[in-house]
Amino acid sequence: MHRARIPGWLPALWLGCLVPALGRADAQGPIQHEFRLAHFTTETGVELPEARIVYGTYGALNAAGDNAILLPSHYMADLHGYEWLIGPGRALDPQRWYLVTTELFGNGRSSSPSNTPEPLHGPRFPVMTIRDNVQAVHRLLTQDLHVQHLRAVVGFSMGAQQAFQWAVSYPDFMDRVVATAGTAKTYGHGIVRLESEITALTTDPAFQGGDYTAPPQRGIEAFAMVWSAWLFSQQWWREELWRGADMGSSLEEVLQRLRTGFIPGADANDLILQMRTWEQHDVSRTGTFNGDLRAALGSIRAQVLYMPSETDLYFPLNDARYEAQLMRHCRLVPIPSLWGHPAGAGASPADARFLNEHIGRFIAGGH
């Protein structure tokens, strides 16, 4: 059985403690930092007087400067989002690797609609693309941490989107790329899903076009229910695997928890901003590729380990198969799991073991 123990139930998925039963990665955890960029101009041409990125570090950069690995965050996650992969005996041991975990614009801690002053507060905050995030983190690495080359970029979900964008935008900056449960482009069906979630949130009269005076709770709950319908596989629901995941003792209880506490405390404009970032992602819009996905993916020089979940409804396996054959150095290894999208972040102990085994061997230089 594909069972997991997720104390605090589902929000732990997004907040970085996906499989606590496997133990904390490091008793000390990451060291938290903040990088500030003055006069940061977005891809859409809007200038932020100051942009901030919250990030964490594990371990230390070695004398050769060749042990750094970047782990960019997924949807609404923080710098703890990869602790299922980090620690002694796992794929990424901080005693060997210097690990940098970054937080996406819009997560409520890095620059976001909720924490940026006027005239860019709330709904006036610009849409940030995956390329905006990658460009900003490139400056963070090279200017703040003095990292000039990465052993790898490892990403789950929106982190995988960033990993692919790194490989296209900075093809010589890393040796390897690992992408779990995420694609190099958001295709039409994914955009429809994201738009349905945005619509569910914004139709709450309390939303007031994003200038709400109190959280639009009904809209946030509607968003959570639409999102949850895509999260796990149909067979996961049929087999009631939620019973082994501390998500409730009945389906009704599971649904109520999903409805009222999916991402606790999240700001509605922040939720929307990261969905806009997600739906606009397309590596073929980089530079001179002009929408040519074959050319963009064919430009990747890094070795790629592509690990879609076999049952992901967000990033379907067939989309990954299509993209993998457009890359020159790509190994496609589907995750055999019923846990849908979260399988890409070690949602069950079996998923975590499978990912750690394959990613650890790949990062170390194997296949």
Foldseek 3Di string as FASTA:
>chain_A
DQFAAAVVPFLCLQAACQGCVVPFADPVDWDKDKDKDAQQAAPVGDTDRIWMKIKTKAADQDPVLEQEEEEEHAQLYQRNNQRLQHHPPFLHDSPRHIYMYIYDQLSVPTPHLPPGDPPCHWPNPDQHALVSVLVVVVCCCCPVVVRQAYQEYEYAAVSLLNRLLCLLVPQGRYAEYEYEAYDVAQDDVLLVLLVVLLCLQCVQVQCVSGPHPDASLRSQLSSLLSVVVQQFFPVCVVVVSVCNHPQDDDPVSNSVCSRRPNNPPRGSSSNSSVSSNRNGRHSCVPDPSVRVLLVSQQSRPHAYEYEYECRARNCHPVSVVVSQVSHDHYDYDYQDDRGYRSLRSVNGVSSSVVVRVVSSQVSVPHD
